[in-house]
Amino acid sequence: MQQNFLNNFPLESRETVSRLYDTILERSLMQAYQRLDDAQKSMMATIFNTDNEESKKNFLKEYVGDLQDIMIKETKKIIEEIKKKPAN
């Protein structure tokens, strides 16, 4: 999916957009992880250390909820952080 998403951007922007996407995803997953109890955290670590995308998707759906919603909130936070930084 990410590769198709990147094709919407000019070639020179794709690396930056990819890093931004990775940052948003990482922050979203960390936020979701922090909400879990210890047993769920252990389960998440086990599942996310595999290549089984279906298991990851099912875990997120069952224990996290809508990852896309979390990612939208994290994107908004990043935008606000960028706005607060002084221009160079």
C-alpha atoms as a PDB file:
ATOM      1  CA  MET A   1       0.000   0.000   0.000  1.00  0.00           C
ATOM      2  CA  GLN A   2       2.733   2.463   0.900  1.00  0.00           C
ATOM      3  CA  GLN A   3       4.378   2.031  -2.509  1.00  0.00           C
ATOM      4  CA  ASN A   4       1.141   2.924  -4.313  1.00  0.00           C
ATOM      5  CA  PHE A   5       0.712   5.895  -1.996  1.00  0.00           C
ATOM      6  CA  LEU A   6       4.211   7.128  -2.790  1.00  0.00           C
ATOM      7  CA  ASN A   7       3.526   7.027  -6.512  1.00  0.00           C
ATOM      8  CA  ASN A   8       1.239  10.042  -6.003  1.00  0.00           C
ATOM      9  CA  PHE A   9       4.262  12.199  -5.186  1.00  0.00           C
ATOM     10  CA  PRO A  10       7.076  13.524  -7.349  1.00  0.00           C
ATOM     11  CA  LEU A  11      10.129  11.284  -7.366  1.00  0.00           C
ATOM     12  CA  GLU A  12      12.226  13.837  -5.469  1.00  0.00           C
ATOM     13  CA  SER A  13       9.670  13.960  -2.603  1.00  0.00           C
ATOM     14  CA  ARG A  14       9.100  10.248  -2.142  1.00  0.00           C
ATOM     15  CA  GLU A  15      11.898   9.633   0.358  1.00  0.00           C
ATOM     16  CA  THR A  16      10.727  12.481   2.603  1.00  0.00           C
ATOM     17  CA  VAL A  17       7.097  11.397   2.367  1.00  0.00           C
ATOM     18  CA  SER A  18       8.097   7.809   3.133  1.00  0.00           C
ATOM     19  CA  ARG A  19      10.004   8.890   6.252  1.00  0.00           C
ATOM     20  CA  LEU A  20       7.068  11.036   7.370  1.00  0.00           C
ATOM     21  CA  TYR A  21       4.674   8.118   6.859  1.00  0.00           C
ATOM     22  CA  ASP A  22       6.983   5.845   8.859  1.00  0.00           C
ATOM     23  CA  THR A  23       7.139   8.406  11.683  1.00  0.00           C
ATOM     24  CA  ILE A  24       3.363   8.740  11.787  1.00  0.00           C
ATOM     25  CA  LEU A  25       2.917   4.968  11.782  1.00  0.00           C
ATOM     26  CA  GLU A  26       5.540   4.468  14.492  1.00  0.00           C
ATOM     27  CA  ARG A  27       4.034   7.119  16.754  1.00  0.00           C
ATOM     28  CA  SER A  28       0.542   5.729  16.198  1.00  0.00           C
ATOM     29  CA  LEU A  29       1.593   2.199  17.059  1.00  0.00           C
ATOM     30  CA  MET A  30       3.424   3.428  20.171  1.00  0.00           C
ATOM     31  CA  GLN A  31       0.323   5.309  21.296  1.00  0.00           C
ATOM     32  CA  ALA A  32      -1.774   2.188  20.752  1.00  0.00           C
ATOM     33  CA  TYR A  33       0.825   0.047  22.550  1.00  0.00           C
ATOM     34  CA  GLN A  34       0.783   2.283  25.616  1.00  0.00           C
ATOM     35  CA  ARG A  35      -2.966   1.738  26.004  1.00  0.00           C
ATOM     36  CA  LEU A  36      -2.623  -2.054  26.210  1.00  0.00           C
ATOM     37  CA  ASP A  37      -2.284  -4.153  29.346  1.00  0.00           C
ATOM     38  CA  ASP A  38       0.846  -6.264  29.846  1.00  0.00           C
ATOM     39  CA  ALA A  39      -0.606  -9.441  28.300  1.00  0.00           C
ATOM     40  CA  GLN A  40      -1.766  -7.534  25.227  1.00  0.00           C
ATOM     41  CA  LYS A  41       1.611  -5.807  24.912  1.00  0.00           C
ATOM     42  CA  SER A  42       3.321  -9.186  24.948  1.00  0.00           C
ATOM     43  CA  MET A  43       0.896 -10.488  22.342  1.00  0.00           C
ATOM     44  CA  MET A  44       1.449  -7.422  20.163  1.00  0.00           C
ATOM     45  CA  ALA A  45       5.226  -7.788  20.346  1.00  0.00           C
ATOM     46  CA  THR A  46       4.979 -11.428  19.311  1.00  0.00           C
ATOM     47  CA  ILE A  47       2.622 -10.727  16.414  1.00  0.00           C
ATOM     48  CA  PHE A  48       4.514  -7.702  15.124  1.00  0.00           C
ATOM     49  CA  ASN A  49       7.770  -9.660  15.034  1.00  0.00           C
ATOM     50  CA  THR A  50       6.300 -11.877  12.310  1.00  0.00           C
ATOM     51  CA  ASP A  51       5.609 -11.235   8.652  1.00  0.00           C
ATOM     52  CA  ASN A  52       1.954 -12.181   8.997  1.00  0.00           C
ATOM     53  CA  GLU A  53       0.154  -9.016   7.932  1.00  0.00           C
ATOM     54  CA  GLU A  54      -3.272 -10.587   8.475  1.00  0.00           C
ATOM     55  CA  SER A  55      -2.461 -11.330  12.140  1.00  0.00           C
ATOM     56  CA  LYS A  56      -1.236  -7.775  12.638  1.00  0.00           C
ATOM     57  CA  LYS A  57      -4.388  -6.383  11.064  1.00  0.00           C
ATOM     58  CA  ASN A  58      -6.612  -8.627  13.181  1.00  0.00           C
ATOM     59  CA  PHE A  59      -4.764  -7.714  16.391  1.00  0.00           C
ATOM     60  CA  LEU A  60      -5.077  -4.002  15.682  1.00  0.00           C
ATOM     61  CA  LYS A  61      -8.752  -4.333  14.869  1.00  0.00           C
ATOM     62  CA  GLU A  62      -9.491  -6.307  18.045  1.00  0.00           C
ATOM     63  CA  TYR A  63      -7.320  -4.498  20.593  1.00  0.00           C
ATOM     64  CA  VAL A  64      -6.537  -1.070  19.180  1.00  0.00           C
ATOM     65  CA  GLY A  65      -9.527  -0.027  17.148  1.00  0.00           C
ATOM     66  CA  ASP A  66      -9.178   2.207  14.147  1.00  0.00           C
ATOM     67  CA  LEU A  67      -5.471   2.685  13.441  1.00  0.00           C
ATOM     68  CA  GLN A  68      -6.307   5.145  10.691  1.00  0.00           C
ATOM     69  CA  ASP A  69      -8.041   7.392  13.245  1.00  0.00           C
ATOM     70  CA  ILE A  70      -4.974   7.247  15.490  1.00  0.00           C
ATOM     71  CA  MET A  71      -2.744   8.066  12.513  1.00  0.00           C
ATOM     72  CA  ILE A  72      -4.877  11.090  11.637  1.00  0.00           C
ATOM     73  CA  LYS A  73      -4.554  12.376  15.209  1.00  0.00           C
ATOM     74  CA  GLU A  74      -0.779  11.812  15.151  1.00  0.00           C
ATOM     75  CA  THR A  75      -0.537  13.620  11.805  1.00  0.00           C
ATOM     76  CA  LYS A  76      -2.364  16.603  13.292  1.00  0.00           C
ATOM     77  CA  LYS A  77       0.039  16.591  16.269  1.00  0.00           C
ATOM     78  CA  ILE A  78       3.039  16.574  13.940  1.00  0.00           C
ATOM     79  CA  ILE A  79       1.597  19.451  11.926  1.00  0.00           C
ATOM     80  CA  GLU A  80       1.133  21.455  15.129  1.00  0.00           C
ATOM     81  CA  GLU A  81       4.706  20.644  16.212  1.00  0.00           C
ATOM     82  CA  ILE A  82       6.014  21.844  12.849  1.00  0.00           C
ATOM     83  CA  LYS A  83       3.996  25.065  13.073  1.00  0.00           C
ATOM     84  CA  LYS A  84       5.509  25.809  16.494  1.00  0.00           C
ATOM     85  CA  LYS A  85       9.094  25.431  15.273  1.00  0.00           C
ATOM     86  CA  PRO A  86      10.824  28.641  14.236  1.00  0.00           C
ATOM     87  CA  ALA A  87      11.599  28.971  10.528  1.00  0.00           C
ATOM     88  CA  ASN A  88      15.275  28.577   9.632  1.00  0.00           C
END
